[in-house]
Amino acid sequence: MMNFSQSADIDDVYVYDYNQSEWNTTWESPCSHQSNQSVEQVVGPYVRSLICVLGLVGNGLVIVTYAFYKRTKSMTDVFLLNVAAADLLFVAALPLIAYNEAWAWPMGAAACKLLRGSYSVNLYSGMLLLACVSADRYVAIVQARRSFRLRSLARSRLVCAAVWASALLLSTPTFYSYNRYRRSDTETVVMLDDAKPENQTDDYVCEFLFQDPRLARTTKVAVPALQLTVGFFLPLLVMVFCYSAIALTLLKARNFQRHRAVRVVVVVVAVFVGCHLPYNLTLFYETLTMFQLKACATSDTLQVAKTLTQALAHLHCCLNPLLYAFVGAKFRSHFRRIVWDLCHLGRKSWGSRRSSRVTSRVTSEAFLSSRRSVDSTSSQGSSFTM
C-alpha cells in the first residue's frame, strides 16, 4: 500500500489514465521551491539559532529568578513560571526540527514522536497560559472585589495542570501521526519504465506518515485547524476582551502610573498579534488550498511566506520574558540581584585560588544573603505591577 506523507508536495503528480488499458507513465516533476530553499538557508541555521539562544537566556532567567530569588506568591507568578517553562522547552526543540527540515532525522521513531509531540504540547500550553495571564489580570483589576477569593495559589496550580493536560490531549494526533521513514518510501509506485524523480533521496525524515488516504486527509486538516482555533484565535479573543476591559478601567483612574500601564497593555496585545497573526493567516490559506493543485511559483511563494512568518511567530517566545516578567519593578530588582551575585562571585573566584569546598561555601553564603534581602523587601502580590 502506498504511504501518504505531509512531506509529499501537492505538485508531485503521478498521472495515470484509467480510461486506457495501460497506465500513462507521464511524470510531472516536483517543484524545486528554490526561493524557499534560499530563505531556509538563512532562517534555518541563523534566525532559528538566534531565537533559540535568546529564548533560552530570557526564559531561563525567569525560571532561575523564581527558583532561587523569588517565590511564587500569586496566581500571576505561577502562570508566568509555567509560560517560561513552556517557552523554554519550545525553543529547545527548534534546532532539532530545523535540522530535520533541512537535512534528515538522525534518531529513531520514538525520538521523532517525542520531539514533534512535545513541540505541539509546548505550543498549545504556552498560548493557553498567555490567555490565563490576561484573565488573571482582568480579575485583579476589573473584578478587584472578587480577586482575593478567586486568585489563590491552589486555584492557579489547578488551572495550570488543566492547561498542560489539555495541551497533551490536543497534541495526541501529532504524537500518533508523526513517524520516521525514508523519503523514497512515499514515492513508491508501479511504473512501466525506470523513471525516477531526480531529487529522490533515501534520507530518513520525521514527518506525518499515513497508510490510509482518508485518515491522511482528515488529520492534515484537523491538526492545523486545531492550531488555528485553540492555539491562536481562542487566546486572541480572551486577550482582546480582558485587556480591553483592563484598559477601560485604567483610563478612568487619574494616575500617571495607570496610564503607563495602559500603554503596556497595548504593547502586549500588539506584539502578540504582530508576531502570530501573519503566520496563522498563512497557515489558514494553506489549509484551505491544501488539496488543490498549484503552480510551482504559487507554491514556492506560499512556502516562503510560511517560513518567514513562522520564524516571526517563534520570536514571540523571546519577547515573553520582556513583556510579562521584566516589565515589573519587583522582577527587575530580582534580576539585578542575580547579575550582582554573579559578578560578585566571579570577582571572588578570579581574585583568589581557593579550593572547591571554599568556593561552594562562598556561593551558598551569597545565595542565602540574597534570599534574606529579597524576602525582607518583597511583599504579597503580583510580579507584574501596573
Protein backbone atom coordinates (compact mmCIF):
# COMPACT_ATOMS: atom_id res chain seq x y z
CA MET A 1 0.00 0.00 0.00
CA MET A 2 1.26 3.44 -0.83
CA ASN A 3 2.20 5.66 2.11
CA PHE A 4 0.93 9.22 2.36
CA SER A 5 3.14 11.84 3.90
CA GLN A 6 2.93 15.51 4.75
CA SER A 7 6.33 15.99 3.14
CA ALA A 8 4.98 14.94 -0.23
CA ASP A 9 4.20 18.12 -2.13
CA ILE A 10 0.90 18.51 -3.95
CA ASP A 11 2.94 19.25 -7.08
CA ASP A 12 4.42 15.73 -7.04
CA VAL A 13 1.83 14.37 -9.50
CA TYR A 14 1.78 10.85 -10.88
CA VAL A 15 -0.53 10.97 -13.92
CA TYR A 16 -2.45 7.81 -14.77
CA ASP A 17 -5.12 7.36 -17.44
CA TYR A 18 -7.65 4.94 -16.03
CA ASN A 19 -9.71 5.04 -19.25
CA GLN A 20 -6.98 3.21 -21.11
CA SER A 21 -5.91 -0.38 -20.75
CA GLU A 22 -2.39 0.70 -19.90
CA TRP A 23 -1.21 3.32 -17.44
CA ASN A 24 0.03 6.62 -18.69
CA THR A 25 3.52 6.97 -17.22
CA THR A 26 3.82 10.73 -17.63
CA TRP A 27 5.86 12.11 -14.74
CA GLU A 28 5.29 15.64 -13.53
CA SER A 29 8.49 16.68 -11.78
CA PRO A 30 8.09 18.19 -8.32
CA CYS A 31 8.56 21.89 -7.74
CA SER A 32 12.06 22.79 -6.64
CA HIS A 33 10.95 25.68 -4.36
CA GLN A 34 14.27 27.41 -4.98
CA SER A 35 13.19 30.69 -3.39
CA ASN A 36 12.09 28.92 -0.22
CA GLN A 37 15.32 26.93 -0.13
CA SER A 38 17.28 30.18 -0.29
CA VAL A 39 15.23 31.63 2.55
CA GLU A 40 15.60 28.44 4.60
CA GLN A 41 19.38 28.65 4.28
CA VAL A 42 19.21 31.87 6.28
CA VAL A 43 16.21 31.23 8.55
CA GLY A 44 17.17 27.67 9.45
CA PRO A 45 20.71 27.96 10.81
CA TYR A 46 20.87 31.65 11.71
CA VAL A 47 17.47 33.05 12.62
CA ARG A 48 16.31 29.96 14.48
CA SER A 49 19.64 29.73 16.29
CA LEU A 50 19.28 33.34 17.41
CA ILE A 51 15.71 32.70 18.57
CA CYS A 52 16.87 29.60 20.42
CA VAL A 53 19.68 31.44 22.24
CA LEU A 54 17.55 34.45 23.17
CA GLY A 55 14.67 32.22 24.26
CA LEU A 56 16.88 30.03 26.40
CA VAL A 57 18.55 33.00 28.09
CA GLY A 58 15.40 35.06 28.68
CA ASN A 59 13.13 32.25 29.86
CA GLY A 60 15.99 30.61 31.75
CA LEU A 61 16.49 33.82 33.74
CA VAL A 62 12.79 33.87 34.60
CA ILE A 63 12.93 30.29 35.90
CA VAL A 64 16.16 30.93 37.84
CA THR A 65 14.65 34.03 39.41
CA TYR A 66 11.58 32.15 40.58
CA ALA A 67 13.64 29.16 41.73
CA PHE A 68 16.28 30.96 43.79
CA TYR A 69 15.29 34.59 44.33
CA LYS A 70 11.55 34.94 44.28
CA ARG A 71 8.96 32.50 45.47
CA THR A 72 5.66 32.11 43.61
CA LYS A 73 3.31 34.08 45.84
CA SER A 74 0.45 34.86 43.49
CA MET A 75 -1.55 33.39 40.63
CA THR A 76 0.34 35.57 38.16
CA ASP A 77 3.66 34.22 39.42
CA VAL A 78 2.52 30.64 38.85
CA PHE A 79 1.29 31.45 35.34
CA LEU A 80 4.47 33.31 34.37
CA LEU A 81 6.64 30.46 35.65
CA ASN A 82 4.69 27.96 33.54
CA VAL A 83 4.81 30.26 30.48
CA ALA A 84 8.60 30.47 30.83
CA ALA A 85 8.86 26.68 31.16
CA ALA A 86 6.71 26.11 28.06
CA ASP A 87 8.66 28.67 26.02
CA LEU A 88 11.97 27.22 27.21
CA LEU A 89 11.04 23.71 26.09
CA PHE A 90 9.60 25.13 22.87
CA VAL A 91 12.79 26.89 21.77
CA ALA A 92 14.93 23.95 22.90
CA ALA A 93 13.22 21.80 20.24
CA LEU A 94 13.83 24.28 17.41
CA PRO A 95 17.40 23.20 16.48
CA LEU A 96 16.38 19.54 16.02
CA ILE A 97 13.31 20.49 13.98
CA ALA A 98 15.40 22.82 11.81
CA TYR A 99 17.96 20.08 11.23
CA ASN A 100 15.24 17.60 10.28
CA GLU A 101 13.63 20.00 7.81
CA ALA A 102 16.94 20.97 6.22
CA TRP A 103 18.69 17.59 6.12
CA ALA A 104 17.43 14.40 7.75
CA TRP A 105 16.34 12.80 11.02
CA PRO A 106 19.31 11.01 12.64
CA MET A 107 17.41 9.43 15.57
CA GLY A 108 14.71 6.78 15.90
CA ALA A 109 10.93 6.76 15.58
CA ALA A 110 10.32 7.19 19.32
CA ALA A 111 12.51 10.30 19.43
CA CYS A 112 10.66 11.62 16.36
CA LYS A 113 7.27 11.29 18.05
CA LEU A 114 8.60 12.73 21.31
CA LEU A 115 10.14 15.77 19.61
CA ARG A 116 7.15 16.69 17.45
CA GLY A 117 4.65 15.86 20.19
CA SER A 118 6.44 17.91 22.85
CA TYR A 119 6.76 20.78 20.38
CA SER A 120 2.97 20.71 19.92
CA VAL A 121 2.33 20.42 23.67
CA ASN A 122 4.51 23.43 24.45
CA LEU A 123 2.93 25.44 21.64
CA TYR A 124 -0.61 24.88 22.95
CA SER A 125 0.31 25.28 26.62
CA GLY A 126 2.25 28.50 26.01
CA MET A 127 -0.60 30.14 24.10
CA LEU A 128 -3.29 29.00 26.55
CA LEU A 129 -1.22 30.15 29.52
CA LEU A 130 -0.94 33.62 27.99
CA ALA A 131 -4.74 33.66 27.88
CA CYS A 132 -4.75 32.66 31.56
CA VAL A 133 -2.38 35.54 32.39
CA SER A 134 -4.73 38.03 30.72
CA ALA A 135 -7.73 36.53 32.54
CA ASP A 136 -5.86 36.77 35.85
CA ARG A 137 -5.09 40.44 35.28
CA TYR A 138 -8.71 41.04 34.31
CA VAL A 139 -9.88 39.60 37.63
CA ALA A 140 -7.22 41.50 39.59
CA ILE A 141 -8.08 44.91 38.09
CA VAL A 142 -11.62 44.85 36.73
CA GLN A 143 -13.06 42.42 39.30
CA ALA A 144 -10.92 43.64 42.18
CA ARG A 145 -13.53 42.87 44.86
CA ARG A 146 -13.60 39.20 43.88
CA SER A 147 -9.88 38.86 43.19
CA PHE A 148 -8.89 37.83 46.72
CA ARG A 149 -11.22 34.81 46.60
CA LEU A 150 -10.52 33.81 43.01
CA ARG A 151 -6.76 34.37 42.78
CA SER A 152 -5.39 31.68 45.11
CA LEU A 153 -2.24 29.60 44.66
CA ALA A 154 -4.19 26.34 44.81
CA ARG A 155 -6.54 27.52 42.07
CA SER A 156 -3.66 28.70 39.88
CA ARG A 157 -1.90 25.33 40.14
CA LEU A 158 -5.14 23.57 39.24
CA VAL A 159 -5.60 25.81 36.19
CA CYS A 160 -2.02 25.16 35.05
CA ALA A 161 -2.49 21.41 35.41
CA ALA A 162 -5.68 21.64 33.33
CA VAL A 163 -3.84 23.65 30.65
CA TRP A 164 -0.99 21.14 30.35
CA ALA A 165 -3.47 18.22 30.26
CA SER A 166 -5.48 19.97 27.52
CA ALA A 167 -2.30 20.66 25.52
CA LEU A 168 -1.35 16.99 25.79
CA LEU A 169 -4.81 15.91 24.62
CA LEU A 170 -4.76 18.36 21.69
CA SER A 171 -1.35 17.02 20.67
CA THR A 172 -2.50 13.40 20.51
CA PRO A 173 -2.88 13.45 16.69
CA THR A 174 0.65 14.78 16.40
CA PHE A 175 2.09 12.06 18.65
CA TYR A 176 0.23 9.41 16.67
CA SER A 177 0.82 10.63 13.12
CA TYR A 178 4.48 11.64 13.12
CA ASN A 179 6.94 8.89 12.32
CA ARG A 180 10.41 8.24 10.96
CA TYR A 181 10.64 7.00 7.39
CA ARG A 182 12.71 7.25 4.23
CA ARG A 183 11.70 9.92 1.77
CA SER A 184 11.74 7.38 -1.05
CA ASP A 185 9.16 5.21 0.76
CA THR A 186 6.39 7.70 -0.06
CA GLU A 187 7.26 7.76 -3.74
CA THR A 188 6.99 4.02 -4.44
CA VAL A 189 4.60 3.47 -7.37
CA VAL A 190 4.23 0.90 -10.13
CA MET A 191 5.91 2.27 -13.24
CA LEU A 192 6.24 0.79 -16.72
CA ASP A 193 9.68 2.30 -17.11
CA ASP A 194 12.59 3.12 -14.83
CA ALA A 195 11.71 6.80 -14.46
CA LYS A 196 12.55 8.28 -11.10
CA PRO A 197 12.44 11.79 -9.73
CA GLU A 198 15.85 13.39 -9.84
CA ASN A 199 15.71 14.61 -6.22
CA GLN A 200 14.72 11.26 -4.70
CA THR A 201 16.70 10.54 -1.56
CA ASP A 202 16.92 7.72 0.94
CA ASP A 203 17.47 10.00 3.94
CA TYR A 204 15.25 9.44 6.94
CA VAL A 205 12.87 12.25 7.91
CA CYS A 206 10.46 12.87 10.78
CA GLU A 207 7.11 13.86 9.25
CA PHE A 208 3.45 12.88 9.06
CA LEU A 209 3.04 9.33 7.80
CA PHE A 210 -0.23 7.56 6.96
CA GLN A 211 -1.33 4.26 5.45
CA ASP A 212 -4.96 5.29 4.95
CA PRO A 213 -5.63 8.15 2.46
CA ARG A 214 -8.86 9.17 4.24
CA LEU A 215 -7.08 9.36 7.59
CA ALA A 216 -4.32 11.39 5.94
CA ARG A 217 -6.75 13.98 4.59
CA THR A 218 -8.63 14.24 7.89
CA THR A 219 -5.52 14.57 10.05
CA LYS A 220 -3.74 17.01 7.74
CA VAL A 221 -6.76 19.31 8.02
CA ALA A 222 -7.58 18.68 11.68
CA VAL A 223 -4.10 19.43 13.07
CA PRO A 224 -3.73 22.94 11.58
CA ALA A 225 -7.42 23.62 12.28
CA LEU A 226 -6.88 22.88 15.99
CA GLN A 227 -3.75 25.00 15.99
CA LEU A 228 -5.65 27.91 14.43
CA THR A 229 -8.70 27.75 16.70
CA VAL A 230 -7.30 26.67 20.07
CA GLY A 231 -3.70 27.77 19.58
CA PHE A 232 -4.38 31.27 18.26
CA PHE A 233 -7.93 32.56 17.87
CA LEU A 234 -9.15 31.44 21.32
CA PRO A 235 -6.21 33.05 23.20
CA LEU A 236 -6.53 36.12 20.97
CA LEU A 237 -10.23 36.57 21.81
CA VAL A 238 -9.54 36.13 25.53
CA MET A 239 -6.67 38.63 25.43
CA VAL A 240 -8.61 41.23 23.43
CA PHE A 241 -11.62 41.01 25.76
CA CYS A 242 -9.62 41.06 29.01
CA TYR A 243 -7.13 43.74 28.05
CA SER A 244 -9.84 45.95 26.55
CA ALA A 245 -11.72 45.84 29.86
CA ILE A 246 -8.47 46.46 31.74
CA ALA A 247 -7.62 49.47 29.57
CA LEU A 248 -11.07 50.99 30.05
CA THR A 249 -10.80 50.51 33.82
CA LEU A 250 -7.32 52.04 33.99
CA LEU A 251 -8.29 55.03 31.86
CA LYS A 252 -10.86 56.00 34.48
CA ALA A 253 -8.14 56.31 37.10
CA ARG A 254 -6.41 59.68 37.43
CA ASN A 255 -2.95 58.35 37.93
CA PHE A 256 0.17 58.60 35.77
CA GLN A 257 1.24 55.03 36.56
CA ARG A 258 -2.15 53.72 35.49
CA HIS A 259 -1.91 55.45 32.12
CA ARG A 260 1.57 54.00 31.69
CA ALA A 261 0.05 50.58 32.36
CA VAL A 262 -2.43 51.14 29.53
CA ARG A 263 0.49 51.56 27.15
CA VAL A 264 1.96 48.32 28.44
CA VAL A 265 -1.37 46.57 27.76
CA VAL A 266 -1.46 47.93 24.21
CA VAL A 267 2.11 46.79 23.59
CA VAL A 268 1.37 43.28 24.91
CA VAL A 269 -1.61 42.81 22.58
CA ALA A 270 0.10 44.46 19.60
CA VAL A 271 3.19 42.26 19.90
CA PHE A 272 1.06 39.12 20.22
CA VAL A 273 -0.98 39.99 17.12
CA GLY A 274 2.04 41.20 15.15
CA CYS A 275 4.00 38.01 15.80
CA HIS A 276 1.29 35.38 15.40
CA LEU A 277 -1.33 36.79 13.01
CA PRO A 278 0.79 36.65 9.80
CA TYR A 279 1.73 33.01 10.33
CA ASN A 280 -1.79 31.92 11.24
CA LEU A 281 -3.25 33.67 8.20
CA THR A 282 -0.68 31.88 6.03
CA LEU A 283 -1.50 28.57 7.72
CA PHE A 284 -5.22 29.21 7.21
CA TYR A 285 -4.73 29.80 3.49
CA GLU A 286 -2.50 26.75 3.15
CA THR A 287 -5.10 24.57 4.91
CA LEU A 288 -7.91 25.82 2.65
CA THR A 289 -5.91 25.10 -0.51
CA MET A 290 -4.09 22.01 0.73
CA PHE A 291 -5.58 19.58 -1.80
CA GLN A 292 -5.65 21.95 -4.76
CA LEU A 293 -3.03 21.79 -7.50
CA LYS A 294 -0.90 24.94 -7.56
CA ALA A 295 1.59 26.35 -9.99
CA CYS A 296 5.17 26.00 -8.86
CA ALA A 297 5.58 29.75 -8.50
CA THR A 298 2.48 29.97 -6.30
CA SER A 299 3.56 27.03 -4.18
CA ASP A 300 7.06 28.49 -3.78
CA THR A 301 5.69 31.87 -2.71
CA LEU A 302 3.42 30.21 -0.15
CA GLN A 303 6.31 28.25 1.32
CA VAL A 304 8.46 31.40 1.56
CA ALA A 305 5.64 33.22 3.35
CA LYS A 306 5.17 30.31 5.74
CA THR A 307 8.89 30.09 6.52
CA LEU A 308 9.23 33.81 7.28
CA THR A 309 6.00 34.19 9.25
CA GLN A 310 6.72 31.05 11.28
CA ALA A 311 10.09 32.48 12.32
CA LEU A 312 8.30 35.69 13.35
CA ALA A 313 5.83 33.66 15.44
CA HIS A 314 8.70 31.82 17.15
CA LEU A 315 10.27 35.16 18.04
CA HIS A 316 7.39 35.79 20.46
CA CYS A 317 8.90 33.22 22.84
CA CYS A 318 11.90 35.52 23.24
CA LEU A 319 9.72 38.58 23.89
CA ASN A 320 7.51 37.00 26.55
CA PRO A 321 10.05 37.50 29.38
CA LEU A 322 10.33 41.20 28.47
CA LEU A 323 6.57 41.71 28.14
CA TYR A 324 5.38 39.77 31.15
CA ALA A 325 8.20 39.38 33.67
CA PHE A 326 10.86 42.07 33.34
CA VAL A 327 8.27 44.82 32.89
CA GLY A 328 7.54 44.58 36.63
CA ALA A 329 9.67 46.66 39.01
CA LYS A 330 9.96 43.85 41.56
CA PHE A 331 11.08 41.33 38.97
CA ARG A 332 13.69 43.75 37.63
CA SER A 333 15.08 44.15 41.14
CA HIS A 334 15.43 40.36 41.43
CA PHE A 335 17.16 40.27 38.05
CA ARG A 336 19.62 42.95 39.15
CA ARG A 337 20.31 40.86 42.24
CA ILE A 338 21.15 37.87 40.04
CA VAL A 339 23.59 39.94 37.97
CA TRP A 340 25.17 41.42 41.10
CA ASP A 341 25.63 38.00 42.70
CA LEU A 342 27.15 36.54 39.55
CA CYS A 343 29.58 39.44 39.21
CA HIS A 344 30.44 39.31 42.92
CA LEU A 345 31.13 35.57 42.82
CA GLY A 346 33.10 35.98 39.61
CA ARG A 347 35.42 38.57 41.17
CA LYS A 348 35.95 36.42 44.24
CA SER A 349 36.74 33.28 42.27
CA TRP A 350 39.00 35.19 39.86
CA GLY A 351 40.87 37.08 42.58
CA SER A 352 41.76 34.09 44.71
CA ARG A 353 42.64 30.46 44.03
CA ARG A 354 40.59 28.65 46.60
CA SER A 355 39.61 25.07 46.90
CA SER A 356 36.28 23.81 45.57
CA ARG A 357 34.98 23.49 49.14
CA VAL A 358 35.62 27.13 49.93
CA THR A 359 34.10 28.22 46.61
CA SER A 360 30.98 26.21 47.39
CA ARG A 361 30.71 27.85 50.82
CA VAL A 362 31.01 31.35 49.33
CA THR A 363 28.32 30.54 46.77
CA SER A 364 25.95 29.32 49.47
CA GLU A 365 26.56 32.39 51.64
CA ALA A 366 25.89 34.74 48.71
CA PHE A 367 22.72 32.86 47.86
CA LEU A 368 21.42 32.93 51.44
CA SER A 369 22.21 36.62 51.82
CA SER A 370 20.38 37.41 48.59
CA ARG A 371 17.36 35.37 49.68
CA ARG A 372 17.23 37.21 53.03
CA SER A 373 17.50 40.56 51.27
CA VAL A 374 14.81 39.69 48.76
CA ASP A 375 12.46 38.16 51.31
CA SER A 376 12.72 41.18 53.57
CA THR A 377 11.78 43.62 50.79
CA SER A 378 9.22 41.57 48.87
CA SER A 379 5.54 41.72 49.58
CA GLN A 380 2.47 39.75 48.68
CA GLY A 381 1.16 40.47 45.17
CA SER A 382 1.75 40.06 41.53
CA SER A 383 5.13 40.26 39.86
CA PHE A 384 3.52 42.44 37.23
CA THR A 385 2.80 45.82 38.81
CA MET A 386 0.77 48.23 36.73
